[in-house]
Amino acid sequence: MPSDLELKRLAWRAHHRGTKEADLMIGGFFDAHHAAWDRDERAQFEAILEEQDVDIMAWALGTAQPPERFQGPMIEALQKLDYIRIAR
């Protein structure tokens, strides 16, 4: 089980990327999925957070292939984009 401090740190990093678009995409993904992640999935998400926002967003949009180390269920969930809330 992640500590409150670990989750707060990951949430902050996911929501404070540098652009509003990245904050919404990466932060929204964290909000929608983090509760179901095990330790390995949290570690993988943390590794993804080390990458450049433009790369993460390109992987999500399908305009670039993610590195092999990130390919799998997490990137597939990121690519669904069903976690992004759009203000109307």
N, C-alpha and C. Protein backbone atom coordinates (compact mmCIF):
# COMPACT_ATOMS: atom_id res chain seq x y z
N MET A 1 0.85 -1.18 0.00
CA MET A 1 0.00 0.00 0.00
C MET A 1 0.89 1.25 0.00
N PRO A 2 0.62 2.18 -0.89
CA PRO A 2 1.46 3.38 -0.92
C PRO A 2 1.18 4.27 0.29
N SER A 3 2.20 4.95 0.71
CA SER A 3 2.02 5.88 1.81
C SER A 3 1.31 7.13 1.29
N ASP A 4 0.70 7.85 2.18
CA ASP A 4 0.06 9.10 1.78
C ASP A 4 1.07 10.05 1.16
N LEU A 5 2.27 10.07 1.70
CA LEU A 5 3.32 10.95 1.19
C LEU A 5 3.71 10.56 -0.24
N GLU A 6 3.83 9.26 -0.50
CA GLU A 6 4.17 8.79 -1.85
C GLU A 6 3.09 9.19 -2.85
N LEU A 7 1.84 8.99 -2.50
CA LEU A 7 0.75 9.35 -3.40
C LEU A 7 0.68 10.86 -3.61
N LYS A 8 0.90 11.62 -2.57
CA LYS A 8 0.89 13.08 -2.71
C LYS A 8 2.00 13.55 -3.63
N ARG A 9 3.16 12.94 -3.50
CA ARG A 9 4.30 13.31 -4.35
C ARG A 9 4.01 12.97 -5.81
N LEU A 10 3.50 11.76 -6.06
CA LEU A 10 3.15 11.38 -7.44
C LEU A 10 2.04 12.26 -8.00
N ALA A 11 1.04 12.56 -7.18
CA ALA A 11 -0.06 13.43 -7.63
C ALA A 11 0.47 14.81 -7.99
N TRP A 12 1.32 15.36 -7.15
CA TRP A 12 1.87 16.69 -7.42
C TRP A 12 2.67 16.68 -8.72
N ARG A 13 3.51 15.68 -8.90
CA ARG A 13 4.32 15.60 -10.13
C ARG A 13 3.45 15.40 -11.36
N ALA A 14 2.36 14.66 -11.22
CA ALA A 14 1.47 14.41 -12.36
C ALA A 14 0.68 15.67 -12.74
N HIS A 15 0.34 16.48 -11.75
CA HIS A 15 -0.49 17.66 -12.00
C HIS A 15 0.29 18.95 -12.21
N HIS A 16 1.57 18.94 -12.04
CA HIS A 16 2.40 20.15 -12.19
C HIS A 16 3.50 19.89 -13.20
N ARG A 17 3.11 19.78 -14.46
CA ARG A 17 4.04 19.41 -15.52
C ARG A 17 4.66 20.61 -16.21
N GLY A 18 3.97 21.73 -16.23
CA GLY A 18 4.54 22.90 -16.89
C GLY A 18 3.62 23.51 -17.93
N THR A 19 2.69 22.71 -18.44
CA THR A 19 1.67 23.25 -19.34
C THR A 19 0.31 22.73 -18.89
N LYS A 20 -0.72 23.51 -19.15
CA LYS A 20 -2.08 23.12 -18.76
C LYS A 20 -2.48 21.81 -19.43
N GLU A 21 -2.10 21.65 -20.71
CA GLU A 21 -2.45 20.44 -21.44
C GLU A 21 -1.84 19.21 -20.81
N ALA A 22 -0.57 19.29 -20.47
CA ALA A 22 0.11 18.15 -19.84
C ALA A 22 -0.45 17.89 -18.44
N ASP A 23 -0.76 18.96 -17.71
CA ASP A 23 -1.35 18.80 -16.39
C ASP A 23 -2.67 18.03 -16.48
N LEU A 24 -3.51 18.40 -17.46
CA LEU A 24 -4.80 17.75 -17.61
C LEU A 24 -4.65 16.30 -18.05
N MET A 25 -3.74 16.05 -18.99
CA MET A 25 -3.58 14.69 -19.50
C MET A 25 -2.92 13.77 -18.47
N ILE A 26 -1.78 14.16 -17.99
CA ILE A 26 -1.01 13.29 -17.10
C ILE A 26 -1.64 13.26 -15.71
N GLY A 27 -2.07 14.42 -15.22
CA GLY A 27 -2.75 14.47 -13.93
C GLY A 27 -4.08 13.74 -13.96
N GLY A 28 -4.82 13.90 -15.05
CA GLY A 28 -6.09 13.20 -15.19
C GLY A 28 -5.91 11.69 -15.23
N PHE A 29 -4.86 11.25 -15.91
CA PHE A 29 -4.55 9.82 -15.95
C PHE A 29 -4.24 9.31 -14.54
N PHE A 30 -3.42 10.04 -13.81
CA PHE A 30 -3.11 9.65 -12.43
C PHE A 30 -4.39 9.54 -11.60
N ASP A 31 -5.22 10.58 -11.66
CA ASP A 31 -6.45 10.58 -10.85
C ASP A 31 -7.34 9.39 -11.16
N ALA A 32 -7.45 9.04 -12.43
CA ALA A 32 -8.35 7.98 -12.85
C ALA A 32 -7.83 6.58 -12.53
N HIS A 33 -6.52 6.41 -12.42
CA HIS A 33 -5.97 5.05 -12.35
C HIS A 33 -5.13 4.72 -11.12
N HIS A 34 -4.64 5.70 -10.40
CA HIS A 34 -3.65 5.39 -9.35
C HIS A 34 -4.16 4.46 -8.25
N ALA A 35 -5.44 4.51 -7.95
CA ALA A 35 -5.96 3.70 -6.84
C ALA A 35 -5.84 2.20 -7.10
N ALA A 36 -5.78 1.82 -8.37
CA ALA A 36 -5.70 0.39 -8.71
C ALA A 36 -4.27 -0.10 -8.93
N TRP A 37 -3.31 0.80 -8.90
CA TRP A 37 -1.92 0.41 -9.19
C TRP A 37 -1.27 -0.32 -8.04
N ASP A 38 -0.47 -1.32 -8.39
CA ASP A 38 0.37 -1.98 -7.41
C ASP A 38 1.73 -1.27 -7.37
N ARG A 39 2.64 -1.77 -6.60
CA ARG A 39 3.95 -1.13 -6.43
C ARG A 39 4.69 -1.01 -7.76
N ASP A 40 4.67 -2.06 -8.57
CA ASP A 40 5.37 -2.03 -9.86
C ASP A 40 4.76 -1.00 -10.80
N GLU A 41 3.44 -0.90 -10.81
CA GLU A 41 2.78 0.07 -11.68
C GLU A 41 3.06 1.50 -11.21
N ARG A 42 3.09 1.72 -9.92
CA ARG A 42 3.46 3.06 -9.42
C ARG A 42 4.89 3.40 -9.82
N ALA A 43 5.78 2.42 -9.75
CA ALA A 43 7.17 2.65 -10.16
C ALA A 43 7.25 2.95 -11.66
N GLN A 44 6.45 2.25 -12.45
CA GLN A 44 6.45 2.52 -13.89
C GLN A 44 5.91 3.92 -14.17
N PHE A 45 4.84 4.32 -13.49
CA PHE A 45 4.31 5.67 -13.69
C PHE A 45 5.34 6.70 -13.28
N GLU A 46 6.03 6.46 -12.19
CA GLU A 46 7.07 7.40 -11.75
C GLU A 46 8.17 7.50 -12.80
N ALA A 47 8.53 6.39 -13.43
CA ALA A 47 9.54 6.42 -14.50
C ALA A 47 9.02 7.20 -15.70
N ILE A 48 7.75 7.04 -16.02
CA ILE A 48 7.16 7.81 -17.11
C ILE A 48 7.22 9.30 -16.81
N LEU A 49 7.00 9.67 -15.56
CA LEU A 49 7.05 11.08 -15.17
C LEU A 49 8.43 11.70 -15.38
N GLU A 50 9.45 10.89 -15.46
CA GLU A 50 10.81 11.39 -15.71
C GLU A 50 11.01 11.80 -17.16
N GLU A 51 10.10 11.37 -18.03
CA GLU A 51 10.21 11.67 -19.46
C GLU A 51 9.67 13.07 -19.75
N GLN A 52 9.98 13.57 -20.93
CA GLN A 52 9.51 14.89 -21.35
C GLN A 52 8.00 14.85 -21.61
N ASP A 53 7.32 15.92 -21.26
CA ASP A 53 5.88 16.01 -21.47
C ASP A 53 5.49 15.79 -22.92
N VAL A 54 6.26 16.38 -23.84
CA VAL A 54 5.92 16.23 -25.27
C VAL A 54 5.98 14.76 -25.69
N ASP A 55 6.89 14.01 -25.11
CA ASP A 55 6.99 12.59 -25.43
C ASP A 55 5.81 11.82 -24.85
N ILE A 56 5.49 12.06 -23.59
CA ILE A 56 4.37 11.38 -22.95
C ILE A 56 3.08 11.67 -23.71
N MET A 57 2.88 12.92 -24.07
CA MET A 57 1.66 13.30 -24.79
C MET A 57 1.63 12.66 -26.18
N ALA A 58 2.77 12.58 -26.84
CA ALA A 58 2.83 11.94 -28.16
C ALA A 58 2.50 10.45 -28.05
N TRP A 59 2.96 9.80 -26.99
CA TRP A 59 2.63 8.39 -26.80
C TRP A 59 1.13 8.24 -26.58
N ALA A 60 0.55 9.14 -25.78
CA ALA A 60 -0.88 9.07 -25.49
C ALA A 60 -1.71 9.31 -26.75
N LEU A 61 -1.27 10.23 -27.58
CA LEU A 61 -2.02 10.56 -28.79
C LEU A 61 -1.73 9.62 -29.94
N GLY A 62 -0.71 8.78 -29.78
CA GLY A 62 -0.37 7.82 -30.82
C GLY A 62 0.46 8.39 -31.96
N THR A 63 1.05 9.56 -31.75
CA THR A 63 1.89 10.16 -32.79
C THR A 63 3.35 9.74 -32.67
N ALA A 64 3.68 9.03 -31.60
CA ALA A 64 5.03 8.49 -31.42
C ALA A 64 4.91 7.17 -30.65
N GLN A 65 5.83 6.28 -30.91
CA GLN A 65 5.88 5.00 -30.20
C GLN A 65 6.61 5.18 -28.88
N PRO A 66 6.06 4.67 -27.80
CA PRO A 66 6.79 4.73 -26.52
C PRO A 66 7.97 3.77 -26.56
N PRO A 67 8.99 4.05 -25.76
CA PRO A 67 10.10 3.10 -25.66
C PRO A 67 9.57 1.73 -25.20
N GLU A 68 10.27 0.70 -25.58
CA GLU A 68 9.83 -0.66 -25.26
C GLU A 68 9.60 -0.85 -23.77
N ARG A 69 10.40 -0.19 -22.92
CA ARG A 69 10.26 -0.38 -21.48
C ARG A 69 8.93 0.14 -20.94
N PHE A 70 8.25 0.99 -21.70
CA PHE A 70 6.96 1.53 -21.27
C PHE A 70 5.77 0.88 -21.97
N GLN A 71 6.01 0.11 -23.01
CA GLN A 71 4.90 -0.50 -23.75
C GLN A 71 4.17 -1.51 -22.87
N GLY A 72 2.86 -1.50 -22.98
CA GLY A 72 2.06 -2.43 -22.19
C GLY A 72 0.78 -1.79 -21.71
N PRO A 73 0.16 -2.38 -20.70
CA PRO A 73 -1.16 -1.94 -20.24
C PRO A 73 -1.24 -0.48 -19.80
N MET A 74 -0.19 0.06 -19.17
CA MET A 74 -0.28 1.44 -18.70
C MET A 74 -0.34 2.41 -19.88
N ILE A 75 0.49 2.21 -20.87
CA ILE A 75 0.47 3.09 -22.05
C ILE A 75 -0.83 2.89 -22.81
N GLU A 76 -1.31 1.66 -22.88
CA GLU A 76 -2.59 1.40 -23.55
C GLU A 76 -3.73 2.16 -22.86
N ALA A 77 -3.72 2.20 -21.53
CA ALA A 77 -4.73 2.95 -20.79
C ALA A 77 -4.55 4.45 -21.02
N LEU A 78 -3.31 4.90 -21.07
CA LEU A 78 -3.02 6.32 -21.34
C LEU A 78 -3.56 6.73 -22.71
N GLN A 79 -3.48 5.84 -23.67
CA GLN A 79 -3.91 6.14 -25.04
C GLN A 79 -5.43 6.20 -25.19
N LYS A 80 -6.17 5.69 -24.26
CA LYS A 80 -7.64 5.74 -24.36
C LYS A 80 -8.18 7.16 -24.21
N LEU A 81 -7.48 7.98 -23.48
CA LEU A 81 -7.86 9.39 -23.26
C LEU A 81 -9.24 9.56 -22.65
N ASP A 82 -9.80 8.50 -22.10
CA ASP A 82 -11.14 8.59 -21.50
C ASP A 82 -11.14 9.18 -20.10
N TYR A 83 -10.00 9.53 -19.60
CA TYR A 83 -9.83 10.06 -18.26
C TYR A 83 -9.73 11.59 -18.24
N ILE A 84 -9.73 12.21 -19.41
CA ILE A 84 -9.58 13.67 -19.49
C ILE A 84 -10.95 14.31 -19.37
N ARG A 85 -11.08 15.18 -18.38
CA ARG A 85 -12.33 15.91 -18.19
C ARG A 85 -12.23 17.23 -18.92
N ILE A 86 -13.24 17.51 -19.69
CA ILE A 86 -13.25 18.75 -20.48
C ILE A 86 -14.32 19.66 -19.92
N ALA A 87 -13.90 20.85 -19.52
CA ALA A 87 -14.85 21.84 -19.00
C ALA A 87 -15.73 22.33 -20.15
N ARG A 88 -16.99 22.44 -19.89
CA ARG A 88 -17.94 22.92 -20.92
C ARG A 88 -18.65 24.15 -20.45
